Amino acid sequence: MKKLFCSIAAAGLLVCGLAACQTAAKEAFAQDAAAKEDAVTIQLVCESEDIYQIYYTAYLAGKESGMGGWADVDGGVLTPESDLSAVLTKDLLGEGDVSTLSMDFSPYGKGDTVELATTEPVDIPAEYGESYTIVFSGDEESGFTAELCE
């Protein structure tokens, strides 16, 4: 009888624990979804060869409002398959009009301490809660470009 009681009690604790995990997961998902409503997501596709890092500067109405960058965790070259996404939050961008968002991109080669170049700013008529894809291409000889996919 004691074993049965312990088994029932353990099962009850397991159910309570699972319910707590599900509740925590739902709350985290809701917070993540709410956070994305107050952010613009940028997905960069790197089509250039021998690029190891790309830094960006974000502007609202031409005024610098944030910076960041991407690199492979293992120090490898960036490819079109690399996960290069940035979540630009209202906190990062500030109080300006997000529809005036623009970004420029500065690539770095292996071991470089200075950017190879900087692209012209890409205008992104952004809205909070939306995602945008930018294709980065070119090379040092012919120049680098960044283009918004529509």
Protein backbone atom coordinates (compact mmCIF):
# COMPACT_ATOMS: atom_id res chain seq x y z
CA MET A 1 0.00 0.00 0.00
CA LYS A 2 2.86 2.34 0.85
CA LYS A 3 4.44 1.67 -2.60
CA LEU A 4 1.12 2.45 -4.29
CA PHE A 5 0.79 5.72 -2.37
CA CYS A 6 4.38 6.70 -3.26
CA SER A 7 3.77 5.86 -6.92
CA ILE A 8 0.60 7.94 -6.97
CA ALA A 9 2.38 10.83 -5.23
CA ALA A 10 5.31 10.63 -7.67
CA ALA A 11 2.94 10.59 -10.64
CA GLY A 12 1.16 13.61 -9.21
CA LEU A 13 4.44 15.50 -8.84
CA LEU A 14 5.41 14.56 -12.38
CA VAL A 15 2.10 15.89 -13.74
CA CYS A 16 2.49 19.10 -11.72
CA GLY A 17 6.07 19.48 -12.95
CA LEU A 18 5.03 18.97 -16.58
CA ALA A 19 2.20 21.44 -16.18
CA ALA A 20 4.61 24.01 -14.73
CA CYS A 21 7.03 23.45 -17.64
CA GLN A 22 4.21 23.83 -20.17
CA THR A 23 3.05 27.02 -18.46
CA ALA A 24 6.59 28.42 -18.43
CA ALA A 25 7.06 27.51 -22.10
CA LYS A 26 3.76 29.16 -23.05
CA GLU A 27 4.72 32.31 -21.12
CA ALA A 28 8.15 32.43 -22.78
CA PHE A 29 6.57 31.96 -26.22
CA ALA A 30 4.06 34.74 -25.52
CA GLN A 31 6.86 37.07 -24.36
CA ASP A 32 8.92 36.21 -27.44
CA ALA A 33 5.93 36.87 -29.72
CA ALA A 34 5.22 40.16 -27.94
CA ALA A 35 8.88 41.16 -28.24
CA LYS A 36 8.84 40.51 -31.99
CA GLU A 37 5.81 42.79 -32.34
CA ASP A 38 8.10 45.56 -31.06
CA ALA A 39 10.94 44.65 -33.41
CA VAL A 40 11.98 44.44 -37.03
CA THR A 41 13.75 41.24 -38.09
CA ILE A 42 16.44 41.44 -40.75
CA GLN A 43 17.61 38.27 -42.49
CA LEU A 44 20.84 38.74 -44.45
CA VAL A 45 21.81 36.32 -47.23
CA CYS A 46 25.55 36.47 -47.95
CA GLU A 47 26.27 35.56 -51.57
CA SER A 48 29.83 36.91 -51.52
CA GLU A 49 32.79 34.56 -51.23
CA ASP A 50 35.50 34.67 -48.56
CA ILE A 51 33.53 36.87 -46.16
CA TYR A 52 34.00 35.97 -42.50
CA GLN A 53 32.16 38.79 -40.74
CA ILE A 54 29.64 41.45 -41.67
CA TYR A 55 28.87 44.43 -39.48
CA TYR A 56 25.85 46.68 -39.94
CA THR A 57 24.79 50.14 -38.92
CA ALA A 58 21.08 50.93 -38.70
CA TYR A 59 19.70 54.42 -39.26
CA LEU A 60 16.31 56.05 -38.70
CA ALA A 61 15.72 59.11 -40.89
CA GLY A 62 19.45 59.10 -41.66
CA LYS A 63 20.49 59.24 -37.99
CA GLU A 64 22.56 56.34 -36.61
CA SER A 65 20.41 54.28 -34.25
CA GLY A 66 22.14 50.93 -33.76
CA MET A 67 24.93 48.59 -34.78
CA GLY A 68 25.65 44.89 -34.79
CA GLY A 69 27.12 42.14 -36.85
CA TRP A 70 27.38 38.50 -37.81
CA ALA A 71 30.14 35.91 -37.85
CA ASP A 72 30.29 32.13 -37.89
CA VAL A 73 30.66 30.81 -34.33
CA ASP A 74 33.41 28.44 -35.48
CA GLY A 75 35.24 31.17 -37.42
CA GLY A 76 34.18 29.83 -40.81
CA VAL A 77 33.29 31.65 -43.98
CA LEU A 78 29.74 33.04 -44.33
CA THR A 79 27.60 31.37 -46.99
CA PRO A 80 24.05 31.77 -48.32
CA GLU A 81 23.10 29.02 -45.83
CA SER A 82 24.49 30.89 -42.79
CA ASP A 83 21.85 32.02 -40.29
CA LEU A 84 22.37 35.77 -40.34
CA SER A 85 19.39 37.37 -38.66
CA ALA A 86 19.12 40.44 -36.48
CA VAL A 87 16.19 41.52 -34.35
CA LEU A 88 16.11 45.31 -34.17
CA THR A 89 13.99 46.27 -31.18
CA LYS A 90 12.38 49.60 -30.37
CA ASP A 91 14.87 49.87 -27.50
CA LEU A 92 17.78 49.57 -29.93
CA LEU A 93 16.33 51.81 -32.64
CA GLY A 94 14.90 54.49 -30.38
CA GLU A 95 11.85 56.66 -30.83
CA GLY A 96 12.21 57.47 -34.54
CA ASP A 97 9.91 56.46 -37.37
CA VAL A 98 10.77 52.83 -38.20
CA SER A 99 9.48 53.27 -41.76
CA THR A 100 12.62 55.39 -42.38
CA LEU A 101 14.94 52.48 -41.48
CA SER A 102 18.05 52.05 -43.57
CA MET A 103 21.15 49.91 -43.06
CA ASP A 104 24.64 49.68 -44.47
CA PHE A 105 26.91 46.64 -44.32
CA SER A 106 30.67 46.29 -43.91
CA PRO A 107 32.28 42.93 -44.77
CA TYR A 108 35.52 41.55 -43.36
CA GLY A 109 37.74 38.83 -44.80
CA LYS A 110 39.62 36.20 -42.82
CA GLY A 111 41.71 37.86 -40.11
CA ASP A 112 40.84 41.39 -41.27
CA THR A 113 40.79 44.14 -38.66
CA VAL A 114 39.48 46.76 -41.09
CA GLU A 115 36.38 46.43 -43.27
CA LEU A 116 36.87 45.67 -46.93
CA ALA A 117 34.27 48.30 -47.87
CA THR A 118 30.87 49.60 -46.77
CA THR A 119 27.76 49.31 -48.92
CA GLU A 120 25.47 52.17 -49.72
CA PRO A 121 22.59 52.33 -47.23
CA VAL A 122 19.63 50.11 -48.09
CA ASP A 123 16.24 51.75 -47.52
CA ILE A 124 13.83 49.43 -45.69
CA PRO A 125 10.25 50.78 -45.41
CA ALA A 126 9.89 48.78 -42.21
CA GLU A 127 7.01 48.08 -39.87
CA TYR A 128 7.33 46.60 -36.40
CA GLY A 129 6.47 42.91 -36.29
CA GLU A 130 7.69 42.32 -39.86
CA SER A 131 10.72 40.55 -41.35
CA TYR A 132 12.85 41.66 -44.28
CA THR A 133 15.49 39.86 -46.34
CA ILE A 134 18.56 41.59 -47.71
CA VAL A 135 20.93 39.95 -50.20
CA PHE A 136 24.58 40.89 -49.76
CA SER A 137 26.78 40.26 -52.81
CA GLY A 138 29.83 41.39 -54.72
CA ASP A 139 33.55 41.38 -54.09
CA GLU A 140 36.39 43.72 -53.26
CA GLU A 141 37.28 44.34 -56.92
CA SER A 142 33.82 45.17 -58.26
CA GLY A 143 32.36 46.42 -55.00
CA PHE A 144 29.85 45.08 -52.51
CA THR A 145 26.11 45.67 -52.68
CA ALA A 146 23.16 45.01 -50.46
CA GLU A 147 19.64 44.81 -51.86
CA LEU A 148 16.26 44.48 -50.21
CA CYS A 149 14.24 41.53 -51.50
CA GLU A 150 10.64 42.44 -52.14
